[in-house]
Amino acid sequence: MKDGLSSSQMRKGTVELAILSLVSRRDYYGGELVEALAHYPGLDATSGTIYPILKRLAKAGHLATRWEESPAGPPRKYYSFTASGRAQLVALAAEWRELQTALNSILDEETS
């Protein structure tokens, strides 16, 4: 049975990793990231979740920001990758893979 609280707890940190991975490929503004993550079941998040993460990543120097005029509506804040962001992505991805391997081993033992 799927428990919303447990699912929410499992997603903590994975959204940050997903954001760093997406922004490593190209620059995004916040609304685009919300839309992009919505394409991945389990990673969809509201702007109320995404924007604090973006602010924290920018404050830590992992993302740079710039404002650009929008073809429709107010200017948009774009987020781009930094060298620090690259190092953070590499570290988080390695931790994720290690955790995934360990958890898969445990789950495989459970089903055997």
PDB file of N, CA and C in Angstrom:
ATOM      1  N   MET A   1       0.833  -1.176   0.000  1.00  0.00           N
ATOM      2  CA  MET A   1       0.000   0.000   0.000  1.00  0.00           C
ATOM      3  C   MET A   1       0.882   1.245   0.000  1.00  0.00           C
ATOM      4  N   LYS A   2       0.559   2.191  -0.843  1.00  0.00           N
ATOM      5  CA  LYS A   2       1.345   3.409  -0.966  1.00  0.00           C
ATOM      6  C   LYS A   2       0.928   4.395   0.116  1.00  0.00           C
ATOM      7  N   ASP A   3       1.883   4.877   0.878  1.00  0.00           N
ATOM      8  CA  ASP A   3       1.639   5.829   1.955  1.00  0.00           C
ATOM      9  C   ASP A   3       2.226   7.171   1.521  1.00  0.00           C
ATOM     10  N   GLY A   4       1.400   8.204   1.442  1.00  0.00           N
ATOM     11  CA  GLY A   4       1.847   9.515   0.977  1.00  0.00           C
ATOM     12  C   GLY A   4       3.005  10.074   1.772  1.00  0.00           C
ATOM     13  N   LEU A   5       2.985   9.919   3.080  1.00  0.00           N
ATOM     14  CA  LEU A   5       4.058  10.425   3.913  1.00  0.00           C
ATOM     15  C   LEU A   5       5.370   9.714   3.595  1.00  0.00           C
ATOM     16  N   SER A   6       5.336   8.400   3.469  1.00  0.00           N
ATOM     17  CA  SER A   6       6.548   7.647   3.145  1.00  0.00           C
ATOM     18  C   SER A   6       7.079   8.029   1.774  1.00  0.00           C
ATOM     19  N   SER A   7       6.190   8.181   0.816  1.00  0.00           N
ATOM     20  CA  SER A   7       6.610   8.585  -0.526  1.00  0.00           C
ATOM     21  C   SER A   7       7.258   9.957  -0.483  1.00  0.00           C
ATOM     22  N   SER A   8       6.682  10.855   0.283  1.00  0.00           N
ATOM     23  CA  SER A   8       7.231  12.203   0.411  1.00  0.00           C
ATOM     24  C   SER A   8       8.621  12.167   1.016  1.00  0.00           C
ATOM     25  N   GLN A   9       8.806  11.346   2.033  1.00  0.00           N
ATOM     26  CA  GLN A   9      10.107  11.248   2.674  1.00  0.00           C
ATOM     27  C   GLN A   9      11.156  10.662   1.732  1.00  0.00           C
ATOM     28  N   MET A  10      10.760   9.700   0.916  1.00  0.00           N
ATOM     29  CA  MET A  10      11.711   9.096  -0.028  1.00  0.00           C
ATOM     30  C   MET A  10      12.142  10.101  -1.088  1.00  0.00           C
ATOM     31  N   ARG A  11      11.256  11.026  -1.423  1.00  0.00           N
ATOM     32  CA  ARG A  11      11.561  11.992  -2.471  1.00  0.00           C
ATOM     33  C   ARG A  11      12.507  13.095  -2.021  1.00  0.00           C
ATOM     34  N   LYS A  12      12.638  13.269  -0.704  1.00  0.00           N
ATOM     35  CA  LYS A  12      13.518  14.330  -0.212  1.00  0.00           C
ATOM     36  C   LYS A  12      14.931  14.088  -0.731  1.00  0.00           C
ATOM     37  N   GLY A  13      15.515  15.095  -1.279  1.00  0.00           N
ATOM     38  CA  GLY A  13      16.863  14.973  -1.808  1.00  0.00           C
ATOM     39  C   GLY A  13      16.898  14.527  -3.262  1.00  0.00           C
ATOM     40  N   THR A  14      15.968  13.675  -3.658  1.00  0.00           N
ATOM     41  CA  THR A  14      15.977  13.225  -5.052  1.00  0.00           C
ATOM     42  C   THR A  14      15.570  14.348  -5.991  1.00  0.00           C
ATOM     43  N   VAL A  15      14.692  15.237  -5.529  1.00  0.00           N
ATOM     44  CA  VAL A  15      14.281  16.366  -6.370  1.00  0.00           C
ATOM     45  C   VAL A  15      15.473  17.290  -6.599  1.00  0.00           C
ATOM     46  N   GLU A  16      16.279  17.507  -5.565  1.00  0.00           N
ATOM     47  CA  GLU A  16      17.479  18.330  -5.718  1.00  0.00           C
ATOM     48  C   GLU A  16      18.430  17.719  -6.747  1.00  0.00           C
ATOM     49  N   LEU A  17      18.638  16.427  -6.658  1.00  0.00           N
ATOM     50  CA  LEU A  17      19.503  15.733  -7.613  1.00  0.00           C
ATOM     51  C   LEU A  17      18.936  15.856  -9.030  1.00  0.00           C
ATOM     52  N   ALA A  18      17.629  15.703  -9.164  1.00  0.00           N
ATOM     53  CA  ALA A  18      16.993  15.824 -10.479  1.00  0.00           C
ATOM     54  C   ALA A  18      17.152  17.236 -11.042  1.00  0.00           C
ATOM     55  N   ILE A  19      16.982  18.242 -10.199  1.00  0.00           N
ATOM     56  CA  ILE A  19      17.136  19.630 -10.649  1.00  0.00           C
ATOM     57  C   ILE A  19      18.562  19.870 -11.133  1.00  0.00           C
ATOM     58  N   LEU A  20      19.540  19.465 -10.352  1.00  0.00           N
ATOM     59  CA  LEU A  20      20.933  19.652 -10.772  1.00  0.00           C
ATOM     60  C   LEU A  20      21.215  18.943 -12.095  1.00  0.00           C
ATOM     61  N   SER A  21      20.686  17.745 -12.245  1.00  0.00           N
ATOM     62  CA  SER A  21      20.914  16.999 -13.478  1.00  0.00           C
ATOM     63  C   SER A  21      20.281  17.706 -14.678  1.00  0.00           C
ATOM     64  N   LEU A  22      19.056  18.187 -14.512  1.00  0.00           N
ATOM     65  CA  LEU A  22      18.392  18.894 -15.613  1.00  0.00           C
ATOM     66  C   LEU A  22      19.129  20.180 -15.977  1.00  0.00           C
ATOM     67  N   VAL A  23      19.500  20.966 -14.967  1.00  0.00           N
ATOM     68  CA  VAL A  23      20.164  22.251 -15.236  1.00  0.00           C
ATOM     69  C   VAL A  23      21.582  22.044 -15.770  1.00  0.00           C
ATOM     70  N   SER A  24      22.167  20.875 -15.541  1.00  0.00           N
ATOM     71  CA  SER A  24      23.491  20.601 -16.111  1.00  0.00           C
ATOM     72  C   SER A  24      23.430  20.519 -17.632  1.00  0.00           C
ATOM     73  N   ARG A  25      22.246  20.243 -18.168  1.00  0.00           N
ATOM     74  CA  ARG A  25      22.074  20.073 -19.614  1.00  0.00           C
ATOM     75  C   ARG A  25      21.773  21.379 -20.337  1.00  0.00           C
ATOM     76  N   ARG A  26      21.034  22.276 -19.647  1.00  0.00           N
ATOM     77  CA  ARG A  26      20.701  23.585 -20.227  1.00  0.00           C
ATOM     78  C   ARG A  26      20.127  24.471 -19.138  1.00  0.00           C
ATOM     79  N   ASP A  27      20.037  25.757 -19.414  1.00  0.00           N
ATOM     80  CA  ASP A  27      19.471  26.692 -18.448  1.00  0.00           C
ATOM     81  C   ASP A  27      17.955  26.560 -18.407  1.00  0.00           C
ATOM     82  N   TYR A  28      17.388  26.723 -17.228  1.00  0.00           N
ATOM     83  CA  TYR A  28      15.943  26.639 -17.012  1.00  0.00           C
ATOM     84  C   TYR A  28      15.484  27.815 -16.172  1.00  0.00           C
ATOM     85  N   TYR A  29      14.224  28.199 -16.327  1.00  0.00           N
ATOM     86  CA  TYR A  29      13.601  29.058 -15.320  1.00  0.00           C
ATOM     87  C   TYR A  29      12.705  28.156 -14.481  1.00  0.00           C
ATOM     88  N   GLY A  30      12.318  28.638 -13.312  1.00  0.00           N
ATOM     89  CA  GLY A  30      11.621  27.805 -12.336  1.00  0.00           C
ATOM     90  C   GLY A  30      10.401  27.084 -12.868  1.00  0.00           C
ATOM     91  N   GLY A  31       9.548  27.797 -13.574  1.00  0.00           N
ATOM     92  CA  GLY A  31       8.336  27.177 -14.117  1.00  0.00           C
ATOM     93  C   GLY A  31       8.646  26.040 -15.077  1.00  0.00           C
ATOM     94  N   GLU A  32       9.704  26.193 -15.844  1.00  0.00           N
ATOM     95  CA  GLU A  32      10.115  25.122 -16.759  1.00  0.00           C
ATOM     96  C   GLU A  32      10.539  23.881 -15.987  1.00  0.00           C
ATOM     97  N   LEU A  33      11.216  24.077 -14.865  1.00  0.00           N
ATOM     98  CA  LEU A  33      11.646  22.931 -14.060  1.00  0.00           C
ATOM     99  C   LEU A  33      10.448  22.200 -13.468  1.00  0.00           C
ATOM    100  N   VAL A  34       9.446  22.954 -13.026  1.00  0.00           N
ATOM    101  CA  VAL A  34       8.222  22.324 -12.518  1.00  0.00           C
ATOM    102  C   VAL A  34       7.611  21.463 -13.614  1.00  0.00           C
ATOM    103  N   GLU A  35       7.522  22.008 -14.836  1.00  0.00           N
ATOM    104  CA  GLU A  35       6.961  21.265 -15.973  1.00  0.00           C
ATOM    105  C   GLU A  35       7.827  20.065 -16.336  1.00  0.00           C
ATOM    106  N   ALA A  36       9.143  20.246 -16.352  1.00  0.00           N
ATOM    107  CA  ALA A  36      10.052  19.151 -16.721  1.00  0.00           C
ATOM    108  C   ALA A  36       9.942  17.999 -15.728  1.00  0.00           C
ATOM    109  N   LEU A  37       9.918  18.307 -14.439  1.00  0.00           N
ATOM    110  CA  LEU A  37       9.834  17.258 -13.425  1.00  0.00           C
ATOM    111  C   LEU A  37       8.493  16.538 -13.465  1.00  0.00           C
ATOM    112  N   ALA A  38       7.458  17.220 -13.921  1.00  0.00           N
ATOM    113  CA  ALA A  38       6.126  16.605 -14.006  1.00  0.00           C
ATOM    114  C   ALA A  38       6.106  15.443 -14.994  1.00  0.00           C
ATOM    115  N   HIS A  39       7.082  15.385 -15.886  1.00  0.00           N
ATOM    116  CA  HIS A  39       7.165  14.291 -16.859  1.00  0.00           C
ATOM    117  C   HIS A  39       7.737  13.006 -16.266  1.00  0.00           C
ATOM    118  N   TYR A  40       8.230  13.087 -15.032  1.00  0.00           N
ATOM    119  CA  TYR A  40       8.855  11.931 -14.390  1.00  0.00           C
ATOM    120  C   TYR A  40       8.026  11.530 -13.170  1.00  0.00           C
ATOM    121  N   PRO A  41       7.276  10.438 -13.277  1.00  0.00           N
ATOM    122  CA  PRO A  41       6.449  10.009 -12.136  1.00  0.00           C
ATOM    123  C   PRO A  41       7.274   9.896 -10.858  1.00  0.00           C
ATOM    124  N   GLY A  42       6.754  10.468  -9.799  1.00  0.00           N
ATOM    125  CA  GLY A  42       7.449  10.444  -8.524  1.00  0.00           C
ATOM    126  C   GLY A  42       8.317  11.654  -8.272  1.00  0.00           C
ATOM    127  N   LEU A  43       8.658  12.394  -9.320  1.00  0.00           N
ATOM    128  CA  LEU A  43       9.485  13.592  -9.152  1.00  0.00           C
ATOM    129  C   LEU A  43       8.699  14.883  -9.356  1.00  0.00           C
ATOM    130  N   ASP A  44       7.431  14.762  -9.737  1.00  0.00           N
ATOM    131  CA  ASP A  44       6.636  15.963  -9.936  1.00  0.00           C
ATOM    132  C   ASP A  44       6.537  16.711  -8.614  1.00  0.00           C
ATOM    133  N   ALA A  45       6.689  18.025  -8.686  1.00  0.00           N
ATOM    134  CA  ALA A  45       6.694  18.855  -7.485  1.00  0.00           C
ATOM    135  C   ALA A  45       6.085  20.208  -7.816  1.00  0.00           C
ATOM    136  N   THR A  46       5.576  20.852  -6.802  1.00  0.00           N
ATOM    137  CA  THR A  46       4.972  22.175  -6.989  1.00  0.00           C
ATOM    138  C   THR A  46       6.053  23.246  -6.974  1.00  0.00           C
ATOM    139  N   SER A  47       5.682  24.423  -7.402  1.00  0.00           N
ATOM    140  CA  SER A  47       6.620  25.543  -7.353  1.00  0.00           C
ATOM    141  C   SER A  47       7.000  25.855  -5.909  1.00  0.00           C
ATOM    142  N   GLY A  48       6.106  25.578  -4.957  1.00  0.00           N
ATOM    143  CA  GLY A  48       6.411  25.786  -3.544  1.00  0.00           C
ATOM    144  C   GLY A  48       7.512  24.871  -3.037  1.00  0.00           C
ATOM    145  N   THR A  49       7.752  23.786  -3.744  1.00  0.00           N
ATOM    146  CA  THR A  49       8.854  22.882  -3.415  1.00  0.00           C
ATOM    147  C   THR A  49      10.106  23.261  -4.198  1.00  0.00           C
ATOM    148  N   ILE A  50       9.924  23.568  -5.477  1.00  0.00           N
ATOM    149  CA  ILE A  50      11.058  23.812  -6.380  1.00  0.00           C
ATOM    150  C   ILE A  50      11.804  25.109  -6.054  1.00  0.00           C
ATOM    151  N   TYR A  51      11.071  26.205  -5.857  1.00  0.00           N
ATOM    152  CA  TYR A  51      11.745  27.492  -5.679  1.00  0.00           C
ATOM    153  C   TYR A  51      12.634  27.570  -4.444  1.00  0.00           C
ATOM    154  N   PRO A  52      12.241  27.022  -3.300  1.00  0.00           N
ATOM    155  CA  PRO A  52      13.186  27.025  -2.167  1.00  0.00           C
ATOM    156  C   PRO A  52      14.462  26.222  -2.452  1.00  0.00           C
ATOM    157  N   ILE A  53      14.329  25.125  -3.183  1.00  0.00           N
ATOM    158  CA  ILE A  53      15.514  24.331  -3.550  1.00  0.00           C
ATOM    159  C   ILE A  53      16.415  25.149  -4.471  1.00  0.00           C
ATOM    160  N   LEU A  54      15.815  25.806  -5.465  1.00  0.00           N
ATOM    161  CA  LEU A  54      16.599  26.644  -6.380  1.00  0.00           C
ATOM    162  C   LEU A  54      17.314  27.765  -5.629  1.00  0.00           C
ATOM    163  N   LYS A  55      16.608  28.387  -4.698  1.00  0.00           N
ATOM    164  CA  LYS A  55      17.209  29.470  -3.914  1.00  0.00           C
ATOM    165  C   LYS A  55      18.393  28.955  -3.108  1.00  0.00           C
ATOM    166  N   ARG A  56      18.225  27.797  -2.483  1.00  0.00           N
ATOM    167  CA  ARG A  56      19.296  27.201  -1.679  1.00  0.00           C
ATOM    168  C   ARG A  56      20.493  26.822  -2.549  1.00  0.00           C
ATOM    169  N   LEU A  57      20.229  26.220  -3.720  1.00  0.00           N
ATOM    170  CA  LEU A  57      21.316  25.830  -4.621  1.00  0.00           C
ATOM    171  C   LEU A  57      22.069  27.052  -5.145  1.00  0.00           C
ATOM    172  N   ALA A  58      21.339  28.130  -5.432  1.00  0.00           N
ATOM    173  CA  ALA A  58      21.982  29.361  -5.895  1.00  0.00           C
ATOM    174  C   ALA A  58      22.807  29.995  -4.767  1.00  0.00           C
ATOM    175  N   LYS A  59      22.257  30.016  -3.560  1.00  0.00           N
ATOM    176  CA  LYS A  59      22.974  30.592  -2.418  1.00  0.00           C
ATOM    177  C   LYS A  59      24.261  29.819  -2.133  1.00  0.00           C
ATOM    178  N   ALA A  60      24.224  28.493  -2.351  1.00  0.00           N
ATOM    179  CA  ALA A  60      25.410  27.655  -2.143  1.00  0.00           C
ATOM    180  C   ALA A  60      26.421  27.776  -3.282  1.00  0.00           C
ATOM    181  N   GLY A  61      26.053  28.466  -4.360  1.00  0.00           N
ATOM    182  CA  GLY A  61      26.959  28.634  -5.495  1.00  0.00           C
ATOM    183  C   GLY A  61      26.889  27.516  -6.513  1.00  0.00           C
ATOM    184  N   HIS A  62      25.925  26.607  -6.362  1.00  0.00           N
ATOM    185  CA  HIS A  62      25.789  25.493  -7.304  1.00  0.00           C
ATOM    186  C   HIS A  62      25.065  25.902  -8.581  1.00  0.00           C
ATOM    187  N   LEU A  63      24.287  26.971  -8.499  1.00  0.00           N
ATOM    188  CA  LEU A  63      23.584  27.514  -9.653  1.00  0.00           C
ATOM    189  C   LEU A  63      23.825  29.018  -9.723  1.00  0.00           C
ATOM    190  N   ALA A  64      23.944  29.531 -10.927  1.00  0.00           N
ATOM    191  CA  ALA A  64      24.014  30.974 -11.156  1.00  0.00           C
ATOM    192  C   ALA A  64      22.647  31.420 -11.670  1.00  0.00           C
ATOM    193  N   THR A  65      22.322  32.678 -11.472  1.00  0.00           N
ATOM    194  CA  THR A  65      21.022  33.180 -11.927  1.00  0.00           C
ATOM    195  C   THR A  65      21.200  34.402 -12.815  1.00  0.00           C
ATOM    196  N   ARG A  66      20.226  34.604 -13.671  1.00  0.00           N
ATOM    197  CA  ARG A  66      20.163  35.810 -14.487  1.00  0.00           C
ATOM    198  C   ARG A  66      18.697  36.059 -14.846  1.00  0.00           C
ATOM    199  N   TRP A  67      18.359  37.294 -15.048  1.00  0.00           N
ATOM    200  CA  TRP A  67      16.998  37.651 -15.440  1.00  0.00           C
ATOM    201  C   TRP A  67      16.950  37.857 -16.940  1.00  0.00           C
ATOM    202  N   GLU A  68      15.874  37.356 -17.559  1.00  0.00           N
ATOM    203  CA  GLU A  68      15.648  37.566 -18.993  1.00  0.00           C
ATOM    204  C   GLU A  68      14.212  37.993 -19.207  1.00  0.00           C
ATOM    205  N   GLU A  69      14.037  38.880 -20.160  1.00  0.00           N
ATOM    206  CA  GLU A  69      12.681  39.291 -20.521  1.00  0.00           C
ATOM    207  C   GLU A  69      11.931  38.085 -21.065  1.00  0.00           C
ATOM    208  N   SER A  70      10.659  38.042 -20.772  1.00  0.00           N
ATOM    209  CA  SER A  70       9.800  36.953 -21.241  1.00  0.00           C
ATOM    210  C   SER A  70       8.995  37.438 -22.429  1.00  0.00           C
ATOM    211  N   PRO A  71       8.759  36.565 -23.416  1.00  0.00           N
ATOM    212  CA  PRO A  71       7.928  36.972 -24.547  1.00  0.00           C
ATOM    213  C   PRO A  71       6.483  37.263 -24.115  1.00  0.00           C
ATOM    214  N   ALA A  72       6.081  36.692 -22.991  1.00  0.00           N
ATOM    215  CA  ALA A  72       4.741  36.930 -22.454  1.00  0.00           C
ATOM    216  C   ALA A  72       4.843  36.984 -20.936  1.00  0.00           C
ATOM    217  N   GLY A  73       4.508  38.107 -20.361  1.00  0.00           N
ATOM    218  CA  GLY A  73       4.530  38.214 -18.915  1.00  0.00           C
ATOM    219  C   GLY A  73       5.797  38.860 -18.387  1.00  0.00           C
ATOM    220  N   PRO A  74       6.001  38.720 -17.083  1.00  0.00           N
ATOM    221  CA  PRO A  74       7.161  39.366 -16.441  1.00  0.00           C
ATOM    222  C   PRO A  74       8.476  38.678 -16.797  1.00  0.00           C
ATOM    223  N   PRO A  75       9.600  39.348 -16.492  1.00  0.00           N
ATOM    224  CA  PRO A  75      10.910  38.715 -16.719  1.00  0.00           C
ATOM    225  C   PRO A  75      11.020  37.414 -15.934  1.00  0.00           C
ATOM    226  N   ARG A  76      11.875  36.529 -16.433  1.00  0.00           N
ATOM    227  CA  ARG A  76      12.066  35.222 -15.803  1.00  0.00           C
ATOM    228  C   ARG A  76      13.485  35.108 -15.276  1.00  0.00           C
ATOM    229  N   LYS A  77      13.602  34.452 -14.120  1.00  0.00           N
ATOM    230  CA  LYS A  77      14.921  34.183 -13.559  1.00  0.00           C
ATOM    231  C   LYS A  77      15.359  32.813 -14.063  1.00  0.00           C
ATOM    232  N   TYR A  78      16.472  32.812 -14.805  1.00  0.00           N
ATOM    233  CA  TYR A  78      17.031  31.571 -15.326  1.00  0.00           C
ATOM    234  C   TYR A  78      18.145  31.087 -14.416  1.00  0.00           C
ATOM    235  N   TYR A  79      18.231  29.771 -14.309  1.00  0.00           N
ATOM    236  CA  TYR A  79      19.248  29.129 -13.494  1.00  0.00           C
ATOM    237  C   TYR A  79      20.201  28.381 -14.414  1.00  0.00           C
ATOM    238  N   SER A  80      21.494  28.568 -14.179  1.00  0.00           N
ATOM    239  CA  SER A  80      22.505  27.868 -14.974  1.00  0.00           C
ATOM    240  C   SER A  80      23.495  27.187 -14.041  1.00  0.00           C
ATOM    241  N   PHE A  81      24.186  26.238 -14.601  1.00  0.00           N
ATOM    242  CA  PHE A  81      25.107  25.379 -13.862  1.00  0.00           C
ATOM    243  C   PHE A  81      26.423  26.096 -13.590  1.00  0.00           C
ATOM    244  N   THR A  82      27.045  25.793 -12.471  1.00  0.00           N
ATOM    245  CA  THR A  82      28.371  26.318 -12.132  1.00  0.00           C
ATOM    246  C   THR A  82      29.327  25.144 -11.909  1.00  0.00           C
ATOM    247  N   ALA A  83      30.607  25.460 -11.776  1.00  0.00           N
ATOM    248  CA  ALA A  83      31.592  24.405 -11.480  1.00  0.00           C
ATOM    249  C   ALA A  83      31.264  23.745 -10.139  1.00  0.00           C
ATOM    250  N   SER A  84      30.828  24.536  -9.182  1.00  0.00           N
ATOM    251  CA  SER A  84      30.424  23.991  -7.885  1.00  0.00           C
ATOM    252  C   SER A  84      29.209  23.076  -8.038  1.00  0.00           C
ATOM    253  N   GLY A  85      28.305  23.461  -8.930  1.00  0.00           N
ATOM    254  CA  GLY A  85      27.135  22.626  -9.211  1.00  0.00           C
ATOM    255  C   GLY A  85      27.539  21.290  -9.812  1.00  0.00           C
ATOM    256  N   ARG A  86      28.530  21.316 -10.674  1.00  0.00           N
ATOM    257  CA  ARG A  86      29.041  20.074 -11.277  1.00  0.00           C
ATOM    258  C   ARG A  86      29.578  19.155 -10.188  1.00  0.00           C
ATOM    259  N   ALA A  87      30.359  19.703  -9.276  1.00  0.00           N
ATOM    260  CA  ALA A  87      30.917  18.896  -8.188  1.00  0.00           C
ATOM    261  C   ALA A  87      29.797  18.347  -7.297  1.00  0.00           C
ATOM    262  N   GLN A  88      28.788  19.167  -7.021  1.00  0.00           N
ATOM    263  CA  GLN A  88      27.662  18.718  -6.199  1.00  0.00           C
ATOM    264  C   GLN A  88      26.882  17.617  -6.899  1.00  0.00           C
ATOM    265  N   LEU A  89      26.656  17.766  -8.197  1.00  0.00           N
ATOM    266  CA  LEU A  89      25.943  16.743  -8.964  1.00  0.00           C
ATOM    267  C   LEU A  89      26.704  15.423  -8.950  1.00  0.00           C
ATOM    268  N   VAL A  90      27.996  15.477  -9.168  1.00  0.00           N
ATOM    269  CA  VAL A  90      28.815  14.259  -9.162  1.00  0.00           C
ATOM    270  C   VAL A  90      28.746  13.580  -7.791  1.00  0.00           C
ATOM    271  N   ALA A  91      28.847  14.363  -6.719  1.00  0.00           N
ATOM    272  CA  ALA A  91      28.807  13.796  -5.369  1.00  0.00           C
ATOM    273  C   ALA A  91      27.440  13.189  -5.063  1.00  0.00           C
ATOM    274  N   LEU A  92      26.364  13.927  -5.357  1.00  0.00           N
ATOM    275  CA  LEU A  92      25.019  13.417  -5.075  1.00  0.00           C
ATOM    276  C   LEU A  92      24.694  12.188  -5.923  1.00  0.00           C
ATOM    277  N   ALA A  93      25.123  12.204  -7.179  1.00  0.00           N
ATOM    278  CA  ALA A  93      24.858  11.056  -8.056  1.00  0.00           C
ATOM    279  C   ALA A  93      25.581   9.813  -7.539  1.00  0.00           C
ATOM    280  N   ALA A  94      26.814   9.977  -7.063  1.00  0.00           N
ATOM    281  CA  ALA A  94      27.558   8.837  -6.518  1.00  0.00           C
ATOM    282  C   ALA A  94      26.863   8.304  -5.263  1.00  0.00           C
ATOM    283  N   GLU A  95      26.420   9.205  -4.396  1.00  0.00           N
ATOM    284  CA  GLU A  95      25.705   8.781  -3.184  1.00  0.00           C
ATOM    285  C   GLU A  95      24.410   8.062  -3.551  1.00  0.00           C
ATOM    286  N   TRP A  96      23.691   8.602  -4.548  1.00  0.00           N
ATOM    287  CA  TRP A  96      22.431   7.980  -4.987  1.00  0.00           C
ATOM    288  C   TRP A  96      22.682   6.572  -5.506  1.00  0.00           C
ATOM    289  N   ARG A  97      23.701   6.416  -6.354  1.00  0.00           N
ATOM    290  CA  ARG A  97      23.996   5.095  -6.925  1.00  0.00           C
ATOM    291  C   ARG A  97      24.399   4.093  -5.844  1.00  0.00           C
ATOM    292  N   GLU A  98      25.171   4.534  -4.867  1.00  0.00           N
ATOM    293  CA  GLU A  98      25.565   3.658  -3.766  1.00  0.00           C
ATOM    294  C   GLU A  98      24.333   3.238  -2.960  1.00  0.00           C
ATOM    295  N   LEU A  99      23.480   4.184  -2.649  1.00  0.00           N
ATOM    296  CA  LEU A  99      22.254   3.893  -1.912  1.00  0.00           C
ATOM    297  C   LEU A  99      21.337   2.970  -2.707  1.00  0.00           C
ATOM    298  N   GLN A 100      21.215   3.246  -4.001  1.00  0.00           N
ATOM    299  CA  GLN A 100      20.366   2.427  -4.872  1.00  0.00           C
ATOM    300  C   GLN A 100      20.873   0.980  -4.924  1.00  0.00           C
ATOM    301  N   THR A 101      22.183   0.804  -5.051  1.00  0.00           N
ATOM    302  CA  THR A 101      22.773  -0.536  -5.091  1.00  0.00           C
ATOM    303  C   THR A 101      22.511  -1.282  -3.782  1.00  0.00           C
ATOM    304  N   ALA A 102      22.724  -0.594  -2.673  1.00  0.00           N
ATOM    305  CA  ALA A 102      22.514  -1.231  -1.365  1.00  0.00           C
ATOM    306  C   ALA A 102      21.045  -1.600  -1.178  1.00  0.00           C
ATOM    307  N   LEU A 103      20.155  -0.699  -1.515  1.00  0.00           N
ATOM    308  CA  LEU A 103      18.734  -0.968  -1.341  1.00  0.00           C
ATOM    309  C   LEU A 103      18.259  -2.077  -2.276  1.00  0.00           C
ATOM    310  N   ASN A 104      18.754  -2.092  -3.500  1.00  0.00           N
ATOM    311  CA  ASN A 104      18.393  -3.172  -4.425  1.00  0.00           C
ATOM    312  C   ASN A 104      18.855  -4.520  -3.888  1.00  0.00           C
ATOM    313  N   SER A 105      20.028  -4.556  -3.263  1.00  0.00           N
ATOM    314  CA  SER A 105      20.516  -5.808  -2.671  1.00  0.00           C
ATOM    315  C   SER A 105      19.581  -6.281  -1.579  1.00  0.00           C
ATOM    316  N   ILE A 106      19.158  -5.363  -0.725  1.00  0.00           N
ATOM    317  CA  ILE A 106      18.238  -5.723   0.353  1.00  0.00           C
ATOM    318  C   ILE A 106      16.899  -6.189  -0.219  1.00  0.00           C
ATOM    319  N   LEU A 107      16.380  -5.470  -1.189  1.00  0.00           N
ATOM    320  CA  LEU A 107      15.095  -5.840  -1.791  1.00  0.00           C
ATOM    321  C   LEU A 107      15.183  -7.180  -2.508  1.00  0.00           C
ATOM    322  N   ASP A 108      16.311  -7.445  -3.161  1.00  0.00           N
ATOM    323  CA  ASP A 108      16.496  -8.730  -3.839  1.00  0.00           C
ATOM    324  C   ASP A 108      16.541  -9.878  -2.844  1.00  0.00           C
ATOM    325  N   GLU A 109      17.150  -9.656  -1.695  1.00  0.00           N
ATOM    326  CA  GLU A 109      17.184 -10.669  -0.642  1.00  0.00           C
ATOM    327  C   GLU A 109      15.773 -10.932  -0.117  1.00  0.00           C
ATOM    328  N   GLU A 110      14.976  -9.897  -0.025  1.00  0.00           N
ATOM    329  CA  GLU A 110      13.610 -10.000   0.492  1.00  0.00           C
ATOM    330  C   GLU A 110      12.739 -10.854  -0.434  1.00  0.00           C
ATOM    331  N   THR A 111      12.937 -10.710  -1.734  1.00  0.00           N
ATOM    332  CA  THR A 111      12.085 -11.436  -2.680  1.00  0.00           C
ATOM    333  C   THR A 111      12.618 -12.811  -3.018  1.00  0.00           C
ATOM    334  N   SER A 112      13.788 -13.162  -2.530  1.00  0.00           N
ATOM    335  CA  SER A 112      14.366 -14.474  -2.833  1.00  0.00           C
ATOM    336  C   SER A 112      13.773 -15.554  -1.986  1.00  0.00           C
TER     337      SER A 112
END
